[in-house]
Amino acid sequence: MNNTNLFQEFPEVSAKQWKQKIQMDLKGADYNETLVWESLEGINVKPFYHQEDLKNIPTYSLPKDHDWSVGQSIYVGDEKKANAKALEVMKKGVESLFFTIPNEETDFEALFSGINLEGLEFYFDLEFLAMEPIKRLVSPLKDKKAKAHLNIDIIGHLAKDGNWYHNREKDHELLTELVPLGTSDISIIGVDLSLYQNSGANMVQQLAYGLAHANEYLNHLVPSSEAQKSLPINFKMAVGSNYFFEIAKIKALRWLWKSLASEYGVKSKCNILAVPSKRNKTLYDYNVNMLRTTSECMSAVLGGADTVCNLAYDAIYHKDNEFGERIARNQLLLLKEEAYFTEASQMAEGSYYIESLTHQLAEKALSLFKQLEQAGGFLDALKKSTIQQKIKGSAEKEQQLFDEGKIVSLGTNKYQNPQDRMKDDLELYPFVKQKARKTIIEPIIEKRLAEASEQKRLNDE
């Protein structure tokens, strides 16, 4: 049976006709006041979207063969234990390993023992900046033709810590020397946008600051050598609970980066590592965190992230533990193997709503990026605390909505269980740590929305 002409007898309905029908059904209530809401990014969200919303606006599509991998983070406090853990989780479906390396003395031979480097993708979080240990890390990765992202981010370290690793001159000098170690499979530079999300920046700010952040590296590296005309960069993004906006945010980043890189004549793949946000995670009624991270991982996949590394439901108050990590890993495996999210990034393409959001986020972020550059650039804005104050302003606005219950967090600011007790279950301090120290700039501080209310509940237990 041929159904190609099944709907031809029905006339097309324009956006105007839909709106008129809605206004009629509202029986006098104002359309804009009743059904249109404004996001924290200043985007007016309509009750419906139509193909007319995509007229005369460009869209950005992922490659047809795009796929994503299941990642897991491992802290390398002890090389042999980290190696054993890596070998174990690979048997359980992990496709990408994210190693946090705390010191320069790490024995990489012991860490990689028995691991098929060629068959995996690696991410690293190096808590130091030194030439020789990084060379020792890169050498076996090159020999085995591994795919790896070192995520060296001197500006991200400055923004988070308030100080350079060494000083501005030495950090930039070391970065310039390290970049040639990279290959088409090994990227040296990373840009950490998760810091901005976890500290309360809205999505336009996250994209604009991430783009300006990356632009500092392009400014520093590209003009110095023709060899830098290929400069792969890994972006780490935190994904929040605003489901469709987060999908659009990831799509917008790829679009913006491609536009920026082309201005420098750089052919650079935008690799994205996505992790759930910490900002909306809660101490009380902690099992709800599993629902939050599932939604956030789905947004990451649909947005087109290359690797998704989940956050354990108890990560904010428990040390690493097998149960929490197994649940987090299985959430991703269920999405990939049971929910058929293997190639789900293609499913978001063509959606009137998502494409419209992507375009608006990209346009607003590009406008803010241009303002930053005209005012002196990202580093200059950090030095003047402009970035910090803008993020604080956005965070305070979001915090107010949370405190008023307009941003709902089940079990925390809505439907609390008064019988919950957490005081004796804290292995980690789950709040912002107050530690006075000397810094050259004001650091950007990550803070969860529920911290103040949770501290009060703990005191009242």
Protein backbone atom coordinates (compact mmCIF):
# COMPACT_ATOMS: atom_id res chain seq x y z
CA MET A 1 0.00 0.00 0.00
CA ASN A 2 1.40 3.37 -1.01
CA ASN A 3 0.90 6.00 1.71
CA THR A 4 2.95 8.79 0.15
CA ASN A 5 -0.19 10.83 -0.65
CA LEU A 6 -2.01 9.99 2.57
CA PHE A 7 -2.07 13.56 3.91
CA GLN A 8 -2.48 15.48 0.68
CA GLU A 9 -6.19 16.00 1.28
CA PHE A 10 -5.41 18.01 4.41
CA PRO A 11 -4.47 21.67 3.88
CA GLU A 12 -1.24 23.04 5.35
CA VAL A 13 -1.72 25.06 8.53
CA SER A 14 0.35 28.22 8.90
CA ALA A 15 1.86 29.45 12.17
CA LYS A 16 -0.61 32.34 12.10
CA GLN A 17 -3.56 29.95 11.91
CA TRP A 18 -2.22 27.88 14.82
CA LYS A 19 -1.80 31.01 16.93
CA GLN A 20 -5.30 32.21 16.12
CA LYS A 21 -6.71 28.83 17.17
CA ILE A 22 -4.77 28.96 20.46
CA GLN A 23 -5.94 32.52 21.17
CA MET A 24 -9.52 31.44 20.57
CA ASP A 25 -9.13 28.53 23.03
CA LEU A 26 -7.63 30.86 25.66
CA LYS A 27 -11.03 32.62 25.86
CA GLY A 28 -9.67 36.09 26.46
CA ALA A 29 -6.49 35.26 28.38
CA ASP A 30 -3.39 37.01 27.04
CA TYR A 31 -1.37 34.71 24.75
CA ASN A 32 2.05 36.11 25.73
CA GLU A 33 1.39 36.28 29.47
CA THR A 34 -0.19 32.83 29.62
CA LEU A 35 1.92 30.71 27.28
CA VAL A 36 5.21 32.51 26.50
CA TRP A 37 7.97 32.31 29.11
CA GLU A 38 11.42 33.88 29.23
CA SER A 39 14.50 31.80 29.96
CA LEU A 40 17.47 32.92 32.05
CA GLU A 41 19.21 33.63 28.73
CA GLY A 42 16.54 36.15 27.70
CA ILE A 43 14.99 33.83 25.11
CA ASN A 44 11.21 33.93 24.79
CA VAL A 45 9.94 30.37 24.49
CA LYS A 46 6.71 29.96 22.55
CA PRO A 47 4.06 27.26 23.09
CA PHE A 48 4.64 25.82 19.62
CA TYR A 49 7.15 26.04 16.77
CA HIS A 50 6.54 25.83 13.06
CA GLN A 51 8.64 25.35 9.94
CA GLU A 52 8.27 29.10 9.43
CA ASP A 53 10.57 29.56 12.46
CA LEU A 54 13.45 28.11 10.44
CA LYS A 55 13.01 30.37 7.41
CA ASN A 56 16.16 32.29 6.52
CA ILE A 57 18.22 30.93 9.43
CA PRO A 58 21.24 28.64 8.92
CA THR A 59 21.52 25.29 10.70
CA TYR A 60 24.51 23.15 11.65
CA SER A 61 24.51 19.38 11.15
CA LEU A 62 26.76 16.70 12.61
CA PRO A 63 28.55 14.23 10.33
CA LYS A 64 26.31 11.30 9.47
CA ASP A 65 28.74 8.83 11.09
CA HIS A 66 28.87 10.72 14.40
CA ASP A 67 28.74 8.46 17.46
CA TRP A 68 29.37 8.82 21.20
CA SER A 69 31.27 6.79 23.77
CA VAL A 70 30.61 5.79 27.37
CA GLY A 71 33.23 7.33 29.64
CA GLN A 72 34.32 6.87 33.24
CA SER A 73 36.57 9.01 35.41
CA ILE A 74 39.37 7.45 37.48
CA TYR A 75 41.54 9.26 40.01
CA VAL A 76 45.17 8.13 39.77
CA GLY A 77 46.26 8.36 43.40
CA ASP A 78 47.84 4.92 43.07
CA GLU A 79 48.87 3.77 39.59
CA LYS A 80 48.35 0.04 40.20
CA LYS A 81 44.90 0.52 41.73
CA ALA A 82 43.89 2.90 38.94
CA ASN A 83 45.15 0.40 36.35
CA ALA A 84 43.18 -2.45 37.94
CA LYS A 85 40.06 -0.30 38.03
CA ALA A 86 40.50 0.70 34.37
CA LEU A 87 40.86 -2.93 33.28
CA GLU A 88 37.78 -3.87 35.30
CA VAL A 89 35.46 -1.12 33.97
CA MET A 90 36.51 -1.79 30.37
CA LYS A 91 35.10 -5.29 30.78
CA LYS A 92 31.83 -3.70 31.88
CA GLY A 93 31.28 -1.55 28.79
CA VAL A 94 33.39 1.60 29.28
CA GLU A 95 34.77 2.93 25.99
CA SER A 96 36.64 6.06 27.17
CA LEU A 97 38.78 6.55 30.26
CA PHE A 98 39.13 9.91 31.98
CA PHE A 99 42.24 9.87 34.22
CA THR A 100 42.88 12.59 36.79
CA ILE A 101 46.66 12.78 37.29
CA PRO A 102 47.53 14.57 40.56
CA ASN A 103 51.34 14.70 40.42
CA GLU A 104 54.35 14.73 38.12
CA GLU A 105 55.81 11.46 39.46
CA THR A 106 53.02 9.30 38.06
CA ASP A 107 54.31 6.03 36.57
CA PHE A 108 52.49 5.92 33.23
CA GLU A 109 53.94 2.52 32.35
CA ALA A 110 52.25 1.06 35.42
CA LEU A 111 49.06 2.98 34.73
CA PHE A 112 48.76 1.67 31.16
CA SER A 113 49.91 -1.89 31.91
CA GLY A 114 47.74 -4.42 30.09
CA ILE A 115 45.50 -1.76 28.50
CA ASN A 116 45.05 -1.85 24.74
CA LEU A 117 45.83 1.81 24.11
CA GLU A 118 44.88 1.59 20.46
CA GLY A 119 41.37 0.43 21.22
CA LEU A 120 40.31 3.22 23.61
CA GLU A 121 39.90 6.97 23.82
CA PHE A 122 41.61 8.71 26.74
CA TYR A 123 40.97 11.99 28.52
CA PHE A 124 43.32 13.46 31.10
CA ASP A 125 43.03 16.06 33.83
CA LEU A 126 46.61 17.00 34.70
CA GLU A 127 46.89 18.86 37.99
CA PHE A 128 50.33 20.19 37.07
CA LEU A 129 52.14 21.80 34.14
CA ALA A 130 55.60 20.40 33.42
CA MET A 131 57.35 19.37 30.21
CA GLU A 132 59.06 16.07 31.07
CA PRO A 133 56.16 14.20 32.71
CA ILE A 134 53.82 15.24 29.90
CA LYS A 135 56.34 13.96 27.35
CA ARG A 136 56.42 10.66 29.27
CA LEU A 137 52.64 10.52 29.01
CA VAL A 138 52.47 11.32 25.31
CA SER A 139 55.20 8.88 24.24
CA PRO A 140 53.32 5.57 24.76
CA LEU A 141 50.10 7.13 23.44
CA LYS A 142 51.87 8.04 20.19
CA ASP A 143 53.62 4.67 19.92
CA LYS A 144 50.34 2.78 20.18
CA LYS A 145 48.44 5.31 18.02
CA ALA A 146 45.99 6.00 20.81
CA LYS A 147 43.32 8.67 20.65
CA ALA A 148 43.79 11.05 23.59
CA HIS A 149 42.94 14.50 24.91
CA LEU A 150 45.39 15.99 27.41
CA ASN A 151 43.13 18.96 28.24
CA ILE A 152 45.95 21.32 29.15
CA ASP A 153 44.08 24.49 30.04
CA ILE A 154 46.25 27.17 31.64
CA ILE A 155 43.49 29.78 31.40
CA GLY A 156 40.93 27.43 32.92
CA HIS A 157 43.34 26.79 35.80
CA LEU A 158 43.74 30.53 36.31
CA ALA A 159 39.97 31.09 36.28
CA LYS A 160 39.31 28.30 38.81
CA ASP A 161 42.35 28.65 41.08
CA GLY A 162 43.01 32.39 40.84
CA ASN A 163 46.68 31.79 39.99
CA TRP A 164 48.73 30.49 37.08
CA TYR A 165 50.51 27.15 37.45
CA HIS A 166 53.82 29.07 37.51
CA ASN A 167 53.33 32.57 36.10
CA ARG A 168 51.79 33.97 32.94
CA GLU A 169 55.01 33.98 30.90
CA LYS A 170 56.17 30.50 31.89
CA ASP A 171 52.72 28.93 31.46
CA HIS A 172 52.39 30.33 27.94
CA GLU A 173 55.95 29.32 27.12
CA LEU A 174 55.34 25.74 28.25
CA LEU A 175 52.06 25.61 26.34
CA THR A 176 53.80 26.73 23.15
CA GLU A 177 56.38 23.96 23.60
CA LEU A 178 53.77 21.31 24.38
CA VAL A 179 51.39 21.93 21.46
CA PRO A 180 53.76 20.41 18.81
CA LEU A 181 53.58 17.12 20.75
CA GLY A 182 50.00 16.79 19.52
CA THR A 183 48.88 14.86 16.46
CA SER A 184 45.60 14.41 14.65
CA ASP A 185 44.76 11.78 17.30
CA ILE A 186 46.27 13.51 20.34
CA SER A 187 44.95 16.93 21.28
CA ILE A 188 46.94 18.97 23.77
CA ILE A 189 44.63 21.88 24.61
CA GLY A 190 41.35 21.72 26.47
CA VAL A 191 38.77 24.37 27.31
CA ASP A 192 36.74 23.76 30.46
CA LEU A 193 33.27 25.29 30.13
CA SER A 194 31.95 23.20 33.03
CA LEU A 195 33.40 25.73 35.49
CA TYR A 196 31.10 28.45 34.17
CA GLN A 197 27.97 26.27 34.32
CA ASN A 198 28.71 24.96 37.81
CA SER A 199 29.29 28.49 39.11
CA GLY A 200 25.94 29.76 37.81
CA ALA A 201 26.58 31.23 34.35
CA ASN A 202 23.61 31.09 32.00
CA MET A 203 23.96 29.26 28.68
CA VAL A 204 24.75 32.34 26.61
CA GLN A 205 27.54 33.22 29.05
CA GLN A 206 28.85 29.65 29.03
CA LEU A 207 29.11 29.66 25.24
CA ALA A 208 30.51 33.18 24.95
CA TYR A 209 33.08 32.74 27.72
CA GLY A 210 34.07 29.33 26.37
CA LEU A 211 34.55 30.80 22.90
CA ALA A 212 36.54 33.76 24.24
CA HIS A 213 38.55 31.35 26.38
CA ALA A 214 39.44 29.27 23.29
CA ASN A 215 40.14 32.43 21.30
CA GLU A 216 42.97 33.29 23.70
CA TYR A 217 44.71 30.07 22.65
CA LEU A 218 44.14 30.79 18.97
CA ASN A 219 45.55 34.30 19.42
CA HIS A 220 48.61 32.97 21.20
CA LEU A 221 49.39 29.89 19.11
CA VAL A 222 48.16 30.24 15.53
CA PRO A 223 50.12 33.32 14.40
CA SER A 224 53.38 31.82 15.69
CA SER A 225 53.59 28.88 13.31
CA GLU A 226 52.00 27.43 10.22
CA ALA A 227 52.18 24.10 12.06
CA GLN A 228 49.30 25.24 14.25
CA LYS A 229 46.88 25.44 11.32
CA SER A 230 45.53 22.15 12.66
CA LEU A 231 44.75 22.67 16.33
CA PRO A 232 42.31 20.09 17.76
CA ILE A 233 40.72 21.25 21.02
CA ASN A 234 38.64 19.33 23.51
CA PHE A 235 35.76 21.16 25.19
CA LYS A 236 34.47 19.93 28.53
CA MET A 237 30.85 20.92 29.09
CA ALA A 238 28.55 20.54 32.09
CA VAL A 239 24.95 19.72 31.20
CA GLY A 240 22.07 20.96 33.35
CA SER A 241 18.41 20.02 33.62
CA ASN A 242 16.88 22.38 31.03
CA TYR A 243 16.53 19.48 28.61
CA PHE A 244 15.98 21.06 25.18
CA PHE A 245 18.13 24.12 25.91
CA GLU A 246 21.06 21.87 26.84
CA ILE A 247 20.72 19.97 23.56
CA ALA A 248 20.78 23.28 21.71
CA LYS A 249 23.74 24.55 23.80
CA ILE A 250 25.99 21.69 22.69
CA LYS A 251 24.94 22.09 19.05
CA ALA A 252 25.57 25.84 19.28
CA LEU A 253 29.11 25.32 20.61
CA ARG A 254 30.12 23.26 17.57
CA TRP A 255 28.65 25.89 15.28
CA LEU A 256 30.43 28.75 17.06
CA TRP A 257 33.78 26.97 17.21
CA LYS A 258 33.68 26.10 13.51
CA SER A 259 32.97 29.76 12.72
CA LEU A 260 35.78 31.04 14.95
CA ALA A 261 38.39 28.51 13.80
CA SER A 262 37.65 29.29 10.14
CA GLU A 263 38.50 32.97 10.79
CA TYR A 264 42.04 31.87 11.72
CA GLY A 265 42.26 29.43 8.83
CA VAL A 266 42.45 26.59 11.35
CA LYS A 267 41.01 23.18 10.56
CA SER A 268 40.13 22.05 14.05
CA LYS A 269 37.77 19.32 15.15
CA CYS A 270 35.59 20.29 18.10
CA ASN A 271 35.64 17.30 20.45
CA ILE A 272 33.14 17.54 23.31
CA LEU A 273 33.30 15.72 26.63
CA ALA A 274 29.98 16.16 28.45
CA VAL A 275 29.39 15.65 32.18
CA PRO A 276 26.27 16.28 34.29
CA SER A 277 26.14 19.54 36.20
CA LYS A 278 26.90 19.62 39.92
CA ARG A 279 24.89 22.80 40.41
CA ASN A 280 21.47 21.13 40.73
CA LYS A 281 22.62 18.05 42.66
CA THR A 282 21.35 17.59 46.19
CA LEU A 283 22.43 16.07 49.47
CA TYR A 284 18.93 15.20 50.71
CA ASP A 285 16.72 12.84 48.72
CA TYR A 286 19.88 11.97 46.83
CA ASN A 287 18.29 9.25 44.70
CA VAL A 288 16.62 12.01 42.66
CA ASN A 289 20.14 12.78 41.42
CA MET A 290 19.89 9.61 39.30
CA LEU A 291 16.87 11.04 37.49
CA ARG A 292 18.66 14.34 36.98
CA THR A 293 21.82 12.74 35.56
CA THR A 294 19.81 10.47 33.25
CA SER A 295 18.04 13.47 31.74
CA GLU A 296 21.32 15.37 31.46
CA CYS A 297 23.12 12.48 29.78
CA MET A 298 20.26 12.21 27.29
CA SER A 299 20.64 15.92 26.47
CA ALA A 300 24.37 15.41 25.99
CA VAL A 301 23.85 12.55 23.54
CA LEU A 302 21.12 14.31 21.57
CA GLY A 303 23.23 17.47 21.44
CA GLY A 304 26.09 15.58 19.83
CA ALA A 305 28.69 15.10 22.59
CA ASP A 306 31.56 12.79 21.62
CA THR A 307 31.96 11.27 25.07
CA VAL A 308 29.58 11.30 28.03
CA CYS A 309 31.04 10.74 31.49
CA ASN A 310 28.31 10.38 34.10
CA LEU A 311 28.30 11.66 37.68
CA ALA A 312 27.49 9.22 40.48
CA TYR A 313 24.29 10.03 42.40
CA ASP A 314 26.30 10.36 45.65
CA ALA A 315 29.37 12.10 44.23
CA ILE A 316 28.92 15.32 46.20
CA TYR A 317 29.12 13.66 49.63
CA HIS A 318 30.66 10.16 49.18
CA LYS A 319 34.16 9.19 48.15
CA ASP A 320 34.49 7.10 44.99
CA ASN A 321 32.70 3.82 45.56
CA GLU A 322 31.89 0.79 43.44
CA PHE A 323 28.12 0.98 43.84
CA GLY A 324 27.72 4.65 42.87
CA GLU A 325 30.08 4.24 39.90
CA ARG A 326 28.30 1.09 38.71
CA ILE A 327 24.92 2.84 38.74
CA ALA A 328 26.36 5.85 36.85
CA ARG A 329 28.00 3.62 34.26
CA ASN A 330 24.89 1.49 33.80
CA GLN A 331 22.77 4.59 33.21
CA LEU A 332 24.88 5.29 30.12
CA LEU A 333 24.93 1.66 29.02
CA LEU A 334 21.14 1.47 29.26
CA LEU A 335 20.82 4.60 27.14
CA LYS A 336 23.21 3.25 24.54
CA GLU A 337 22.29 -0.43 24.39
CA GLU A 338 18.68 -0.61 25.60
CA ALA A 339 17.21 2.77 24.64
CA TYR A 340 18.83 2.75 21.17
CA PHE A 341 20.73 5.99 21.75
CA THR A 342 23.67 4.64 19.75
CA GLU A 343 23.24 7.22 17.01
CA ALA A 344 20.69 9.43 18.72
CA SER A 345 22.52 12.70 18.02
CA GLN A 346 20.92 12.69 14.56
CA MET A 347 17.43 12.61 16.09
CA ALA A 348 17.54 16.27 17.17
CA GLU A 349 18.24 17.57 13.67
CA GLY A 350 15.36 19.31 11.97
CA SER A 351 13.39 19.91 15.15
CA TYR A 352 11.82 23.35 14.79
CA TYR A 353 12.16 24.07 18.51
CA ILE A 354 15.74 22.84 18.97
CA GLU A 355 17.02 24.42 15.75
CA SER A 356 15.42 27.73 16.74
CA LEU A 357 16.97 27.56 20.22
CA THR A 358 20.37 26.64 18.76
CA HIS A 359 20.31 29.65 16.46
CA GLN A 360 19.23 32.06 19.20
CA LEU A 361 21.83 30.79 21.69
CA ALA A 362 24.57 31.01 19.05
CA GLU A 363 23.56 34.53 18.00
CA LYS A 364 23.40 35.82 21.57
CA ALA A 365 26.68 34.14 22.50
CA LEU A 366 28.42 35.54 19.42
CA SER A 367 27.21 39.03 20.29
CA LEU A 368 28.54 38.71 23.87
CA PHE A 369 31.82 37.26 22.55
CA LYS A 370 32.30 40.27 20.28
CA GLN A 371 31.66 42.63 23.20
CA LEU A 372 34.32 40.81 25.23
CA GLU A 373 36.87 40.99 22.45
CA GLN A 374 36.22 44.68 21.81
CA ALA A 375 36.74 45.36 25.53
CA GLY A 376 40.16 43.67 25.58
CA GLY A 377 39.56 39.93 25.52
CA PHE A 378 38.92 37.15 27.99
CA LEU A 379 42.10 37.38 30.07
CA ASP A 380 41.68 41.11 30.47
CA ALA A 381 38.07 40.60 31.59
CA LEU A 382 39.21 38.01 34.14
CA LYS A 383 41.84 40.40 35.47
CA LYS A 384 39.23 43.15 35.87
CA SER A 385 36.78 40.64 37.47
CA THR A 386 34.22 41.45 34.76
CA ILE A 387 33.59 37.76 34.03
CA GLN A 388 33.34 36.93 37.72
CA GLN A 389 30.78 39.67 38.39
CA LYS A 390 28.63 38.73 35.38
CA ILE A 391 28.55 35.09 36.48
CA LYS A 392 27.69 36.13 40.04
CA GLY A 393 24.81 38.21 38.72
CA SER A 394 23.43 35.26 36.75
CA ALA A 395 23.96 32.89 39.70
CA GLU A 396 22.11 35.21 42.08
CA LYS A 397 19.17 35.43 39.69
CA GLU A 398 19.00 31.65 39.43
CA GLN A 399 19.42 31.27 43.21
CA GLN A 400 16.49 33.60 43.83
CA LEU A 401 14.27 31.53 41.53
CA PHE A 402 15.37 28.40 43.39
CA ASP A 403 14.74 29.95 46.82
CA GLU A 404 11.27 31.06 45.70
CA GLY A 405 10.46 27.56 44.45
CA LYS A 406 10.19 28.68 40.82
CA ILE A 407 13.08 26.35 40.00
CA VAL A 408 11.84 23.11 41.55
CA SER A 409 14.18 20.57 43.15
CA LEU A 410 12.19 17.57 44.38
CA GLY A 411 13.05 16.59 47.93
CA THR A 412 14.95 19.81 48.54
CA ASN A 413 12.86 22.94 47.97
CA LYS A 414 9.68 20.97 47.19
CA TYR A 415 8.20 17.91 48.91
CA GLN A 416 10.93 17.51 51.53
CA ASN A 417 11.08 14.34 53.58
CA PRO A 418 11.49 15.62 57.17
CA GLN A 419 12.75 12.18 58.24
CA ASP A 420 15.86 12.42 56.03
CA ARG A 421 19.11 12.40 58.02
CA MET A 422 22.47 13.01 56.34
CA LYS A 423 24.81 14.37 59.02
CA ASP A 424 26.41 10.97 59.75
CA ASP A 425 26.72 9.98 56.08
CA LEU A 426 29.08 12.72 54.87
CA GLU A 427 32.46 11.43 53.67
CA LEU A 428 33.14 14.61 51.70
CA TYR A 429 32.41 18.23 52.56
CA PRO A 430 29.60 19.09 50.11
CA PHE A 431 29.73 22.89 50.37
CA VAL A 432 31.95 25.71 49.12
CA LYS A 433 35.20 25.60 51.08
CA GLN A 434 36.25 28.91 52.62
CA LYS A 435 40.04 29.17 52.48
CA ALA A 436 41.78 32.54 52.57
CA ARG A 437 44.81 32.69 50.27
CA LYS A 438 46.56 35.11 47.97
CA THR A 439 45.50 35.06 44.32
CA ILE A 440 46.28 37.33 41.38
CA ILE A 441 42.63 37.32 40.23
CA GLU A 442 39.31 36.56 41.89
CA PRO A 443 38.67 32.85 41.22
CA ILE A 444 35.37 31.63 39.77
CA ILE A 445 33.75 29.53 42.47
CA GLU A 446 31.46 26.55 41.81
CA LYS A 447 28.41 26.46 44.07
CA ARG A 448 25.32 24.27 44.20
CA LEU A 449 21.87 25.83 44.40
CA ALA A 450 20.81 23.81 47.45
CA GLU A 451 23.82 24.57 49.67
CA ALA A 452 22.26 27.17 51.99
CA SER A 453 19.07 25.18 52.62
CA GLU A 454 21.06 21.97 53.13
CA GLN A 455 23.36 23.58 55.68
CA LYS A 456 20.31 24.73 57.63
CA ARG A 457 18.76 21.25 57.55
CA LEU A 458 22.02 19.68 58.72
CA ASN A 459 22.19 22.12 61.63
CA ASP A 460 18.58 21.30 62.54
CA GLU A 461 19.04 17.53 62.58
